PDB file of N, CA and C in Angstrom:
ATOM      1  N   UNK A   1      42.232  26.378  11.844  1.00  0.00           N
ATOM      2  CA  UNK A   1      41.854  26.126  10.465  1.00  0.00           C
ATOM      3  C   UNK A   1      42.341  24.797   9.924  1.00  0.00           C
ATOM      4  N   UNK A   2      43.598  24.536  10.208  1.00  0.00           N
ATOM      5  CA  UNK A   2      44.212  23.307   9.813  1.00  0.00           C
ATOM      6  C   UNK A   2      43.537  22.089  10.466  1.00  0.00           C
ATOM      7  N   UNK A   3      43.076  22.213  11.576  1.00  0.00           N
ATOM      8  CA  UNK A   3      42.323  21.098  12.359  1.00  0.00           C
ATOM      9  C   UNK A   3      40.972  20.944  11.658  1.00  0.00           C
ATOM     10  N   UNK A   4      40.321  21.824  11.214  1.00  0.00           N
ATOM     11  CA  UNK A   4      39.054  21.756  10.536  1.00  0.00           C
ATOM     12  C   UNK A   4      39.251  20.883   9.190  1.00  0.00           C
ATOM     13  N   UNK A   5      40.307  21.240   8.439  1.00  0.00           N
ATOM     14  CA  UNK A   5      40.644  20.453   7.219  1.00  0.00           C
ATOM     15  C   UNK A   5      40.910  19.051   7.517  1.00  0.00           C
ATOM     16  N   UNK A   6      41.694  18.845   8.616  1.00  0.00           N
ATOM     17  CA  UNK A   6      42.120  17.474   9.063  1.00  0.00           C
ATOM     18  C   UNK A   6      40.776  16.768   9.395  1.00  0.00           C
ATOM     19  N   UNK A   7      39.898  17.159  10.092  1.00  0.00           N
ATOM     20  CA  UNK A   7      38.677  16.593  10.525  1.00  0.00           C
ATOM     21  C   UNK A   7      37.801  16.210   9.304  1.00  0.00           C
ATOM     22  N   UNK A   8      37.721  17.131   8.303  1.00  0.00           N
ATOM     23  CA  UNK A   8      36.906  16.958   7.083  1.00  0.00           C
ATOM     24  C   UNK A   8      37.560  15.799   6.301  1.00  0.00           C
ATOM     25  N   UNK A   9      38.919  15.816   6.123  1.00  0.00           N
ATOM     26  CA  UNK A   9      39.549  14.790   5.313  1.00  0.00           C
ATOM     27  C   UNK A   9      39.551  13.471   6.105  1.00  0.00           C
ATOM     28  N   UNK A  10      39.537  13.381   7.404  1.00  0.00           N
ATOM     29  CA  UNK A  10      39.426  12.164   8.106  1.00  0.00           C
ATOM     30  C   UNK A  10      38.036  11.582   7.950  1.00  0.00           C
ATOM     31  N   UNK A  11      37.044  12.523   8.048  1.00  0.00           N
ATOM     32  CA  UNK A  11      35.617  12.023   7.901  1.00  0.00           C
ATOM     33  C   UNK A  11      35.304  11.450   6.478  1.00  0.00           C
ATOM     34  N   UNK A  12      35.902  12.173   5.448  1.00  0.00           N
ATOM     35  CA  UNK A  12      35.703  11.668   4.128  1.00  0.00           C
ATOM     36  C   UNK A  12      36.378  10.355   3.872  1.00  0.00           C
ATOM     37  N   UNK A  13      37.534  10.143   4.506  1.00  0.00           N
ATOM     38  CA  UNK A  13      38.258   8.927   4.368  1.00  0.00           C
ATOM     39  C   UNK A  13      37.531   7.768   5.041  1.00  0.00           C
ATOM     40  N   UNK A  14      37.046   8.000   6.209  1.00  0.00           N
ATOM     41  CA  UNK A  14      36.218   6.978   6.938  1.00  0.00           C
ATOM     42  C   UNK A  14      34.976   6.599   6.181  1.00  0.00           C
ATOM     43  N   UNK A  15      34.185   7.615   5.728  1.00  0.00           N
ATOM     44  CA  UNK A  15      33.005   7.399   5.023  1.00  0.00           C
ATOM     45  C   UNK A  15      33.313   6.561   3.722  1.00  0.00           C
ATOM     46  N   UNK A  16      34.325   6.968   2.961  1.00  0.00           N
ATOM     47  CA  UNK A  16      34.683   6.284   1.769  1.00  0.00           C
ATOM     48  C   UNK A  16      35.065   4.805   2.100  1.00  0.00           C
ATOM     49  N   UNK A  17      35.842   4.584   3.079  1.00  0.00           N
ATOM     50  CA  UNK A  17      36.185   3.249   3.466  1.00  0.00           C
ATOM     51  C   UNK A  17      34.932   2.431   3.895  1.00  0.00           C
ATOM     52  N   UNK A  18      33.997   2.984   4.589  1.00  0.00           N
ATOM     53  CA  UNK A  18      32.859   2.271   4.952  1.00  0.00           C
ATOM     54  C   UNK A  18      31.987   1.883   3.741  1.00  0.00           C
ATOM     55  N   UNK A  19      31.837   2.830   2.856  1.00  0.00           N
ATOM     56  CA  UNK A  19      31.126   2.601   1.554  1.00  0.00           C
ATOM     57  C   UNK A  19      31.814   1.509   0.786  1.00  0.00           C
ATOM     58  N   UNK A  20      33.125   1.501   0.614  1.00  0.00           N
ATOM     59  CA  UNK A  20      33.765   0.436  -0.144  1.00  0.00           C
ATOM     60  C   UNK A  20      33.687  -0.877   0.546  1.00  0.00           C
ATOM     61  N   UNK A  21      33.830  -0.972   1.854  1.00  0.00           N
ATOM     62  CA  UNK A  21      33.666  -2.160   2.606  1.00  0.00           C
ATOM     63  C   UNK A  21      32.338  -2.760   2.489  1.00  0.00           C
ATOM     64  N   UNK A  22      31.302  -1.964   2.591  1.00  0.00           N
ATOM     65  CA  UNK A  22      29.930  -2.434   2.463  1.00  0.00           C
ATOM     66  C   UNK A  22      29.528  -2.934   1.147  1.00  0.00           C
ATOM     67  N   UNK A  23      30.039  -2.338   0.195  1.00  0.00           N
ATOM     68  CA  UNK A  23      29.794  -2.781  -1.217  1.00  0.00           C
ATOM     69  C   UNK A  23      30.613  -4.090  -1.464  1.00  0.00           C
ATOM     70  N   UNK A  24      31.767  -4.342  -0.956  1.00  0.00           N
ATOM     71  CA  UNK A  24      32.512  -5.490  -1.093  1.00  0.00           C
ATOM     72  C   UNK A  24      31.919  -6.653  -0.284  1.00  0.00           C
ATOM     73  N   UNK A  25      31.496  -6.319   0.902  1.00  0.00           N
ATOM     74  CA  UNK A  25      30.965  -7.453   1.784  1.00  0.00           C
ATOM     75  C   UNK A  25      29.493  -7.680   1.681  1.00  0.00           C
ATOM     76  N   UNK A  26      28.695  -6.894   0.937  1.00  0.00           N
ATOM     77  CA  UNK A  26      27.304  -7.173   0.760  1.00  0.00           C
ATOM     78  C   UNK A  26      27.058  -8.395   0.008  1.00  0.00           C
ATOM     79  N   UNK A  27      25.992  -8.993   0.328  1.00  0.00           N
ATOM     80  CA  UNK A  27      25.586 -10.377  -0.292  1.00  0.00           C
ATOM     81  C   UNK A  27      24.855 -10.104  -1.489  1.00  0.00           C
ATOM     82  N   UNK A  28      24.548  -8.915  -1.984  1.00  0.00           N
ATOM     83  CA  UNK A  28      23.743  -8.627  -3.228  1.00  0.00           C
ATOM     84  C   UNK A  28      24.781  -8.926  -4.418  1.00  0.00           C
ATOM     85  N   UNK A  29      24.328  -9.702  -5.283  1.00  0.00           N
ATOM     86  CA  UNK A  29      24.891  -9.994  -6.521  1.00  0.00           C
ATOM     87  C   UNK A  29      24.034  -9.797  -7.646  1.00  0.00           C
ATOM     88  N   UNK A  30      24.620  -9.455  -8.819  1.00  0.00           N
ATOM     89  CA  UNK A  30      23.867  -9.333 -10.030  1.00  0.00           C
ATOM     90  C   UNK A  30      23.776 -10.664 -10.814  1.00  0.00           C
ATOM     91  N   UNK A  31      24.113 -11.739 -10.230  1.00  0.00           N
ATOM     92  CA  UNK A  31      24.116 -13.082 -10.910  1.00  0.00           C
ATOM     93  C   UNK A  31      22.610 -13.392 -11.273  1.00  0.00           C
ATOM     94  N   UNK A  32      21.710 -13.220 -10.287  1.00  0.00           N
ATOM     95  CA  UNK A  32      20.396 -13.672 -10.503  1.00  0.00           C
ATOM     96  C   UNK A  32      19.584 -12.438 -10.729  1.00  0.00           C
ATOM     97  N   UNK A  33      19.327 -11.987 -11.997  1.00  0.00           N
ATOM     98  CA  UNK A  33      18.554 -10.722 -12.307  1.00  0.00           C
ATOM     99  C   UNK A  33      17.166 -10.877 -12.004  1.00  0.00           C
ATOM    100  N   UNK A  34      16.581 -12.086 -12.122  1.00  0.00           N
ATOM    101  CA  UNK A  34      15.096 -12.282 -11.817  1.00  0.00           C
ATOM    102  C   UNK A  34      14.864 -12.122 -10.320  1.00  0.00           C
ATOM    103  N   UNK A  35      15.742 -12.663  -9.537  1.00  0.00           N
ATOM    104  CA  UNK A  35      15.560 -12.513  -8.142  1.00  0.00           C
ATOM    105  C   UNK A  35      15.759 -11.072  -7.618  1.00  0.00           C
ATOM    106  N   UNK A  36      16.591 -10.288  -8.255  1.00  0.00           N
ATOM    107  CA  UNK A  36      16.870  -8.873  -7.831  1.00  0.00           C
ATOM    108  C   UNK A  36      15.887  -7.925  -8.534  1.00  0.00           C
ATOM    109  N   UNK A  37      15.028  -8.300  -9.414  1.00  0.00           N
ATOM    110  CA  UNK A  37      14.037  -7.517 -10.137  1.00  0.00           C
ATOM    111  C   UNK A  37      12.835  -7.218  -9.214  1.00  0.00           C
ATOM    112  N   UNK A  38      12.263  -6.042  -9.228  1.00  0.00           N
ATOM    113  CA  UNK A  38      11.005  -5.816  -8.460  1.00  0.00           C
ATOM    114  C   UNK A  38       9.839  -6.625  -8.985  1.00  0.00           C
ATOM    115  N   UNK A  39       8.967  -6.961  -8.130  1.00  0.00           N
ATOM    116  CA  UNK A  39       7.764  -7.736  -8.434  1.00  0.00           C
ATOM    117  C   UNK A  39       6.549  -7.088  -8.020  1.00  0.00           C
ATOM    118  N   UNK A  40       5.758  -6.618  -8.957  1.00  0.00           N
ATOM    119  CA  UNK A  40       4.539  -5.914  -8.577  1.00  0.00           C
ATOM    120  C   UNK A  40       3.354  -6.570  -9.233  1.00  0.00           C
ATOM    121  N   UNK A  41       2.469  -7.165  -8.455  1.00  0.00           N
ATOM    122  CA  UNK A  41       1.181  -7.614  -8.833  1.00  0.00           C
ATOM    123  C   UNK A  41       1.230  -8.637 -10.046  1.00  0.00           C
ATOM    124  N   UNK A  42       2.377  -9.358 -10.085  1.00  0.00           N
ATOM    125  CA  UNK A  42       2.416 -10.317 -11.120  1.00  0.00           C
ATOM    126  C   UNK A  42       2.803  -9.931 -12.511  1.00  0.00           C
ATOM    127  N   UNK A  43       3.246  -8.604 -12.659  1.00  0.00           N
ATOM    128  CA  UNK A  43       3.639  -8.206 -13.942  1.00  0.00           C
ATOM    129  C   UNK A  43       5.199  -8.320 -14.104  1.00  0.00           C
ATOM    130  N   UNK A  44       5.547  -8.698 -15.278  1.00  0.00           N
ATOM    131  CA  UNK A  44       6.917  -8.861 -15.620  1.00  0.00           C
ATOM    132  C   UNK A  44       7.577  -7.471 -15.839  1.00  0.00           C
ATOM    133  N   UNK A  45       8.664  -7.058 -15.044  1.00  0.00           N
ATOM    134  CA  UNK A  45       9.194  -5.739 -15.139  1.00  0.00           C
ATOM    135  C   UNK A  45       9.966  -5.559 -16.437  1.00  0.00           C
ATOM    136  N   UNK A  46      10.371  -6.480 -17.165  1.00  0.00           N
ATOM    137  CA  UNK A  46      11.092  -6.497 -18.295  1.00  0.00           C
ATOM    138  C   UNK A  46      10.286  -6.522 -19.519  1.00  0.00           C
ATOM    139  N   UNK A  47       8.979  -6.748 -19.360  1.00  0.00           N
ATOM    140  CA  UNK A  47       8.026  -6.729 -20.547  1.00  0.00           C
ATOM    141  C   UNK A  47       7.563  -5.334 -20.899  1.00  0.00           C
ATOM    142  N   UNK A  48       6.864  -5.236 -21.896  1.00  0.00           N
ATOM    143  CA  UNK A  48       6.338  -3.943 -22.401  1.00  0.00           C
ATOM    144  C   UNK A  48       5.300  -3.323 -21.388  1.00  0.00           C
ATOM    145  N   UNK A  49       5.335  -2.083 -21.126  1.00  0.00           N
ATOM    146  CA  UNK A  49       4.440  -1.465 -20.191  1.00  0.00           C
ATOM    147  C   UNK A  49       3.112  -1.200 -20.795  1.00  0.00           C
ATOM    148  N   UNK A  50       3.031  -1.420 -22.091  1.00  0.00           N
ATOM    149  CA  UNK A  50       1.732  -1.077 -22.831  1.00  0.00           C
ATOM    150  C   UNK A  50       0.805  -2.322 -22.988  1.00  0.00           C
ATOM    151  N   UNK A  51       1.005  -3.343 -22.108  1.00  0.00           N
ATOM    152  CA  UNK A  51       0.048  -4.507 -22.147  1.00  0.00           C
ATOM    153  C   UNK A  51      -1.277  -4.177 -21.589  1.00  0.00           C
ATOM    154  N   UNK A  52      -2.345  -4.723 -22.072  1.00  0.00           N
ATOM    155  CA  UNK A  52      -3.662  -4.406 -21.543  1.00  0.00           C
ATOM    156  C   UNK A  52      -3.811  -4.806 -20.032  1.00  0.00           C
ATOM    157  N   UNK A  53      -4.448  -3.979 -19.302  1.00  0.00           N
ATOM    158  CA  UNK A  53      -4.575  -4.214 -17.864  1.00  0.00           C
ATOM    159  C   UNK A  53      -5.962  -4.877 -17.651  1.00  0.00           C
ATOM    160  N   UNK A  54      -6.058  -5.701 -16.731  1.00  0.00           N
ATOM    161  CA  UNK A  54      -7.307  -6.444 -16.392  1.00  0.00           C
ATOM    162  C   UNK A  54      -8.308  -5.510 -15.655  1.00  0.00           C
ATOM    163  N   UNK A  55      -9.406  -5.172 -16.332  1.00  0.00           N
ATOM    164  CA  UNK A  55     -10.384  -4.262 -15.725  1.00  0.00           C
ATOM    165  C   UNK A  55     -11.064  -4.974 -14.444  1.00  0.00           C
ATOM    166  N   UNK A  56     -11.220  -6.139 -14.495  1.00  0.00           N
ATOM    167  CA  UNK A  56     -11.682  -6.852 -13.266  1.00  0.00           C
ATOM    168  C   UNK A  56     -10.802  -6.672 -12.071  1.00  0.00           C
ATOM    169  N   UNK A  57      -9.505  -6.841 -12.279  1.00  0.00           N
ATOM    170  CA  UNK A  57      -8.630  -6.652 -11.127  1.00  0.00           C
ATOM    171  C   UNK A  57      -8.571  -5.186 -10.619  1.00  0.00           C
ATOM    172  N   UNK A  58      -8.729  -4.273 -11.550  1.00  0.00           N
ATOM    173  CA  UNK A  58      -8.915  -2.813 -11.190  1.00  0.00           C
ATOM    174  C   UNK A  58     -10.154  -2.669 -10.303  1.00  0.00           C
ATOM    175  N   UNK A  59     -11.314  -3.165 -10.749  1.00  0.00           N
ATOM    176  CA  UNK A  59     -12.557  -2.965 -10.077  1.00  0.00           C
ATOM    177  C   UNK A  59     -12.544  -3.629  -8.696  1.00  0.00           C
ATOM    178  N   UNK A  60     -11.900  -4.764  -8.630  1.00  0.00           N
ATOM    179  CA  UNK A  60     -11.843  -5.397  -7.349  1.00  0.00           C
ATOM    180  C   UNK A  60     -10.943  -4.614  -6.394  1.00  0.00           C
ATOM    181  N   UNK A  61      -9.869  -4.008  -6.888  1.00  0.00           N
ATOM    182  CA  UNK A  61      -9.031  -3.218  -6.038  1.00  0.00           C
ATOM    183  C   UNK A  61      -9.748  -1.999  -5.569  1.00  0.00           C
ATOM    184  N   UNK A  62     -10.499  -1.361  -6.460  1.00  0.00           N
ATOM    185  CA  UNK A  62     -11.259  -0.147  -6.062  1.00  0.00           C
ATOM    186  C   UNK A  62     -12.339  -0.465  -5.078  1.00  0.00           C
ATOM    187  N   UNK A  63     -13.011  -1.538  -5.185  1.00  0.00           N
ATOM    188  CA  UNK A  63     -14.093  -2.004  -4.281  1.00  0.00           C
ATOM    189  C   UNK A  63     -13.457  -2.162  -2.954  1.00  0.00           C
ATOM    190  N   UNK A  64     -12.281  -2.975  -2.932  1.00  0.00           N
ATOM    191  CA  UNK A  64     -11.529  -3.185  -1.676  1.00  0.00           C
ATOM    192  C   UNK A  64     -11.181  -1.851  -0.958  1.00  0.00           C
ATOM    193  N   UNK A  65     -10.699  -0.989  -1.704  1.00  0.00           N
ATOM    194  CA  UNK A  65     -10.335   0.414  -1.131  1.00  0.00           C
ATOM    195  C   UNK A  65     -11.532   1.076  -0.547  1.00  0.00           C
ATOM    196  N   UNK A  66     -12.675   1.029  -1.297  1.00  0.00           N
ATOM    197  CA  UNK A  66     -13.860   1.699  -0.762  1.00  0.00           C
ATOM    198  C   UNK A  66     -14.367   1.095   0.472  1.00  0.00           C
ATOM    199  N   UNK A  67     -14.408  -0.223   0.587  1.00  0.00           N
ATOM    200  CA  UNK A  67     -14.853  -0.859   1.822  1.00  0.00           C
ATOM    201  C   UNK A  67     -13.882  -0.804   2.900  1.00  0.00           C
ATOM    202  N   UNK A  68     -12.641  -0.737   2.535  1.00  0.00           N
ATOM    203  CA  UNK A  68     -11.571  -0.544   3.547  1.00  0.00           C
ATOM    204  C   UNK A  68     -11.648   0.758   4.287  1.00  0.00           C
ATOM    205  N   UNK A  69     -11.923   1.902   3.461  1.00  0.00           N
ATOM    206  CA  UNK A  69     -12.116   3.196   3.979  1.00  0.00           C
ATOM    207  C   UNK A  69     -13.396   3.304   4.784  1.00  0.00           C
ATOM    208  N   UNK A  70     -14.405   2.652   4.397  1.00  0.00           N
ATOM    209  CA  UNK A  70     -15.712   2.671   5.069  1.00  0.00           C
ATOM    210  C   UNK A  70     -15.602   1.924   6.352  1.00  0.00           C
ATOM    211  N   UNK A  71     -14.866   0.914   6.507  1.00  0.00           N
ATOM    212  CA  UNK A  71     -14.652   0.137   7.723  1.00  0.00           C
ATOM    213  C   UNK A  71     -13.802   1.094   8.716  1.00  0.00           C
ATOM    214  N   UNK A  72     -12.833   1.831   8.163  1.00  0.00           N
ATOM    215  CA  UNK A  72     -12.226   2.761   9.045  1.00  0.00           C
ATOM    216  C   UNK A  72     -13.087   3.813   9.546  1.00  0.00           C
ATOM    217  N   UNK A  73     -14.137   4.204   8.838  1.00  0.00           N
ATOM    218  CA  UNK A  73     -15.109   5.124   9.327  1.00  0.00           C
ATOM    219  C   UNK A  73     -16.104   4.488  10.337  1.00  0.00           C
ATOM    220  N   UNK A  74     -16.268   3.198  10.244  1.00  0.00           N
ATOM    221  CA  UNK A  74     -17.185   2.538  11.185  1.00  0.00           C
ATOM    222  C   UNK A  74     -16.513   2.297  12.583  1.00  0.00           C
ATOM    223  N   UNK A  75     -15.223   2.054  12.551  1.00  0.00           N
ATOM    224  CA  UNK A  75     -14.539   1.696  13.847  1.00  0.00           C
ATOM    225  C   UNK A  75     -14.730   2.808  14.898  1.00  0.00           C
ATOM    226  N   UNK A  76     -14.606   4.068  14.620  1.00  0.00           N
ATOM    227  CA  UNK A  76     -14.770   4.987  15.712  1.00  0.00           C
ATOM    228  C   UNK A  76     -16.132   5.045  16.295  1.00  0.00           C
ATOM    229  N   UNK A  77     -17.167   4.533  15.676  1.00  0.00           N
ATOM    230  CA  UNK A  77     -18.470   4.474  16.189  1.00  0.00           C
ATOM    231  C   UNK A  77     -18.517   3.730  17.609  1.00  0.00           C
ATOM    232  N   UNK A  78     -17.663   2.718  17.646  1.00  0.00           N
ATOM    233  CA  UNK A  78     -17.695   1.950  18.958  1.00  0.00           C
ATOM    234  C   UNK A  78     -16.993   2.680  20.070  1.00  0.00           C
ATOM    235  N   UNK A  79     -16.002   3.488  19.773  1.00  0.00           N
ATOM    236  CA  UNK A  79     -15.283   4.211  20.778  1.00  0.00           C
ATOM    237  C   UNK A  79     -16.027   5.515  21.271  1.00  0.00           C
ATOM    238  N   UNK A  80     -16.976   6.041  20.559  1.00  0.00           N
ATOM    239  CA  UNK A  80     -17.678   7.195  21.023  1.00  0.00           C
ATOM    240  C   UNK A  80     -19.053   6.774  21.665  1.00  0.00           C
ATOM    241  N   UNK A  81     -19.334   5.568  21.796  1.00  0.00           N
ATOM    242  CA  UNK A  81     -20.598   5.155  22.440  1.00  0.00           C
ATOM    243  C   UNK A  81     -20.846   5.796  23.759  1.00  0.00           C
ATOM    244  N   UNK A  82     -19.878   5.826  24.693  1.00  0.00           N
ATOM    245  CA  UNK A  82     -20.158   6.390  26.065  1.00  0.00           C
ATOM    246  C   UNK A  82     -20.470   7.911  25.952  1.00  0.00           C
ATOM    247  N   UNK A  83     -20.043   8.639  24.954  1.00  0.00           N
ATOM    248  CA  UNK A  83     -20.057  10.018  24.951  1.00  0.00           C
ATOM    249  C   UNK A  83     -21.226  10.615  24.156  1.00  0.00           C
ATOM    250  N   UNK A  84     -22.111   9.732  23.565  1.00  0.00           N
ATOM    251  CA  UNK A  84     -23.142  10.225  22.670  1.00  0.00           C
ATOM    252  C   UNK A  84     -24.473   9.643  23.124  1.00  0.00           C
ATOM    253  N   UNK A  85     -25.546  10.182  22.514  1.00  0.00           N
ATOM    254  CA  UNK A  85     -26.857   9.645  22.665  1.00  0.00           C
ATOM    255  C   UNK A  85     -26.945   8.416  21.915  1.00  0.00           C
ATOM    256  N   UNK A  86     -27.451   7.344  22.532  1.00  0.00           N
ATOM    257  CA  UNK A  86     -27.430   6.013  21.999  1.00  0.00           C
ATOM    258  C   UNK A  86     -28.395   5.949  20.741  1.00  0.00           C
ATOM    259  N   UNK A  87     -29.375   6.676  20.747  1.00  0.00           N
ATOM    260  CA  UNK A  87     -30.371   6.763  19.629  1.00  0.00           C
ATOM    261  C   UNK A  87     -29.692   7.354  18.407  1.00  0.00           C
ATOM    262  N   UNK A  88     -29.055   8.529  18.531  1.00  0.00           N
ATOM    263  CA  UNK A  88     -28.387   9.183  17.444  1.00  0.00           C
ATOM    264  C   UNK A  88     -27.225   8.378  16.909  1.00  0.00           C
ATOM    265  N   UNK A  89     -26.479   7.663  17.909  1.00  0.00           N
ATOM    266  CA  UNK A  89     -25.377   6.896  17.532  1.00  0.00           C
ATOM    267  C   UNK A  89     -25.848   5.658  16.715  1.00  0.00           C
ATOM    268  N   UNK A  90     -26.916   4.962  17.108  1.00  0.00           N
ATOM    269  CA  UNK A  90     -27.357   3.770  16.424  1.00  0.00           C
ATOM    270  C   UNK A  90     -28.004   4.193  14.977  1.00  0.00           C
ATOM    271  N   UNK A  91     -28.686   5.315  15.073  1.00  0.00           N
ATOM    272  CA  UNK A  91     -29.286   5.750  13.793  1.00  0.00           C
ATOM    273  C   UNK A  91     -28.255   6.091  12.718  1.00  0.00           C
ATOM    274  N   UNK A  92     -27.112   6.820  13.157  1.00  0.00           N
ATOM    275  CA  UNK A  92     -26.111   7.131  12.112  1.00  0.00           C
ATOM    276  C   UNK A  92     -25.323   5.933  11.715  1.00  0.00           C
ATOM    277  N   UNK A  93     -25.176   4.946  12.694  1.00  0.00           N
ATOM    278  CA  UNK A  93     -24.438   3.752  12.332  1.00  0.00           C
ATOM    279  C   UNK A  93     -25.239   2.946  11.320  1.00  0.00           C
ATOM    280  N   UNK A  94     -26.588   2.857  11.677  1.00  0.00           N
ATOM    281  CA  UNK A  94     -27.428   2.028  10.770  1.00  0.00           C
ATOM    282  C   UNK A  94     -27.513   2.673   9.414  1.00  0.00           C
ATOM    283  N   UNK A  95     -27.687   3.966   9.306  1.00  0.00           N
ATOM    284  CA  UNK A  95     -27.698   4.656   8.032  1.00  0.00           C
ATOM    285  C   UNK A  95     -26.446   4.459   7.215  1.00  0.00           C
ATOM    286  N   UNK A  96     -25.365   4.557   7.865  1.00  0.00           N
ATOM    287  CA  UNK A  96     -24.051   4.292   7.192  1.00  0.00           C
ATOM    288  C   UNK A  96     -23.950   2.838   6.661  1.00  0.00           C
ATOM    289  N   UNK A  97     -24.446   1.839   7.529  1.00  0.00           N
ATOM    290  CA  UNK A  97     -24.339   0.395   7.052  1.00  0.00           C
ATOM    291  C   UNK A  97     -25.362   0.191   5.977  1.00  0.00           C
ATOM    292  N   UNK A  98     -26.467   0.888   5.940  1.00  0.00           N
ATOM    293  CA  UNK A  98     -27.450   0.659   4.789  1.00  0.00           C
ATOM    294  C   UNK A  98     -26.874   1.229   3.634  1.00  0.00           C
ATOM    295  N   UNK A  99     -26.190   2.388   3.544  1.00  0.00           N
ATOM    296  CA  UNK A  99     -25.541   2.900   2.361  1.00  0.00           C
ATOM    297  C   UNK A  99     -24.483   1.943   1.872  1.00  0.00           C
ATOM    298  N   UNK A 100     -23.699   1.327   2.776  1.00  0.00           N
ATOM    299  CA  UNK A 100     -22.651   0.404   2.529  1.00  0.00           C
ATOM    300  C   UNK A 100     -23.209  -0.823   1.896  1.00  0.00           C
ATOM    301  N   UNK A 101     -24.266  -1.348   2.417  1.00  0.00           N
ATOM    302  CA  UNK A 101     -24.940  -2.596   1.824  1.00  0.00           C
ATOM    303  C   UNK A 101     -25.593  -2.324   0.585  1.00  0.00           C
ATOM    304  N   UNK A 102     -26.169  -1.143   0.351  1.00  0.00           N
ATOM    305  CA  UNK A 102     -26.675  -0.749  -0.979  1.00  0.00           C
ATOM    306  C   UNK A 102     -25.580  -0.696  -2.030  1.00  0.00           C
ATOM    307  N   UNK A 103     -24.473  -0.107  -1.637  1.00  0.00           N
ATOM    308  CA  UNK A 103     -23.305  -0.194  -2.679  1.00  0.00           C
ATOM    309  C   UNK A 103     -22.782  -1.538  -2.939  1.00  0.00           C
ATOM    310  N   UNK A 104     -22.822  -2.462  -1.952  1.00  0.00           N
ATOM    311  CA  UNK A 104     -22.380  -3.843  -2.187  1.00  0.00           C
ATOM    312  C   UNK A 104     -23.343  -4.494  -3.042  1.00  0.00           C
ATOM    313  N   UNK A 105     -24.682  -4.311  -2.774  1.00  0.00           N
ATOM    314  CA  UNK A 105     -25.676  -4.941  -3.593  1.00  0.00           C
ATOM    315  C   UNK A 105     -25.562  -4.439  -5.098  1.00  0.00           C
ATOM    316  N   UNK A 106     -25.359  -3.157  -5.287  1.00  0.00           N
ATOM    317  CA  UNK A 106     -25.211  -2.583  -6.519  1.00  0.00           C
ATOM    318  C   UNK A 106     -24.080  -3.191  -7.383  1.00  0.00           C
ATOM    319  N   UNK A 107     -22.891  -3.309  -6.740  1.00  0.00           N
ATOM    320  CA  UNK A 107     -21.735  -3.962  -7.323  1.00  0.00           C
ATOM    321  C   UNK A 107     -21.982  -5.400  -7.677  1.00  0.00           C
ATOM    322  N   UNK A 108     -22.777  -6.139  -6.757  1.00  0.00           N
ATOM    323  CA  UNK A 108     -23.061  -7.512  -6.965  1.00  0.00           C
ATOM    324  C   UNK A 108     -24.030  -7.618  -8.152  1.00  0.00           C
ATOM    325  N   UNK A 109     -25.015  -6.729  -8.158  1.00  0.00           N
ATOM    326  CA  UNK A 109     -25.993  -6.806  -9.257  1.00  0.00           C
ATOM    327  C   UNK A 109     -25.423  -6.526 -10.633  1.00  0.00           C
ATOM    328  N   UNK A 110     -24.453  -5.587 -10.678  1.00  0.00           N
ATOM    329  CA  UNK A 110     -23.726  -5.230 -11.910  1.00  0.00           C
ATOM    330  C   UNK A 110     -22.754  -6.213 -12.368  1.00  0.00           C
ATOM    331  N   UNK A 111     -22.419  -7.186 -11.539  1.00  0.00           N
ATOM    332  CA  UNK A 111     -21.414  -8.305 -11.875  1.00  0.00           C
ATOM    333  C   UNK A 111     -19.981  -7.912 -11.620  1.00  0.00           C
ATOM    334  N   UNK A 112     -19.763  -6.903 -10.879  1.00  0.00           N
ATOM    335  CA  UNK A 112     -18.347  -6.549 -10.625  1.00  0.00           C
ATOM    336  C   UNK A 112     -17.665  -7.521  -9.706  1.00  0.00           C
ATOM    337  N   UNK A 113     -18.360  -8.295  -8.961  1.00  0.00           N
ATOM    338  CA  UNK A 113     -17.830  -9.249  -8.104  1.00  0.00           C
ATOM    339  C   UNK A 113     -17.681 -10.660  -8.730  1.00  0.00           C
ATOM    340  N   UNK A 114     -18.112 -10.810  -9.859  1.00  0.00           N
ATOM    341  CA  UNK A 114     -17.963 -12.105 -10.645  1.00  0.00           C
ATOM    342  C   UNK A 114     -16.596 -12.209 -11.226  1.00  0.00           C
ATOM    343  N   UNK A 115     -15.898 -13.340 -11.023  1.00  0.00           N
ATOM    344  CA  UNK A 115     -14.602 -13.514 -11.582  1.00  0.00           C
ATOM    345  C   UNK A 115     -14.641 -14.089 -12.978  1.00  0.00           C
ATOM    346  N   UNK A 116     -15.651 -14.924 -13.219  1.00  0.00           N
ATOM    347  CA  UNK A 116     -15.814 -15.534 -14.514  1.00  0.00           C
ATOM    348  C   UNK A 116     -17.208 -15.352 -15.043  1.00  0.00           C
ATOM    349  N   UNK A 117     -17.243 -15.119 -16.436  1.00  0.00           N
ATOM    350  CA  UNK A 117     -18.484 -15.092 -17.056  1.00  0.00           C
ATOM    351  C   UNK A 117     -18.561 -16.104 -18.162  1.00  0.00           C
TER     352      UNK A 117
END
């Protein structure tokens, strides 16, 4: 029982020593607060969080996500070519691409892809 207490005490001492040494020897300093602050999408982390958000940036991000997901759905079409009927494979791929292009045309027609008006 005494051995268990000795092992626990030794372990806590070693862990405490390592934590203290790492905090002393680390190169992080709080001298440059701008450098140590998180940077997300060009927003100032110290400013008010109630600033208006650019709707264009949001629409472009959503369009990117939609097309990114659709590309990941198109990539498996090439890998299943040897296992499927070529007619049904090409028909489903063409149908998917037509839907994708119709969505792109709709976004282009509505002006979501225009950066300046």
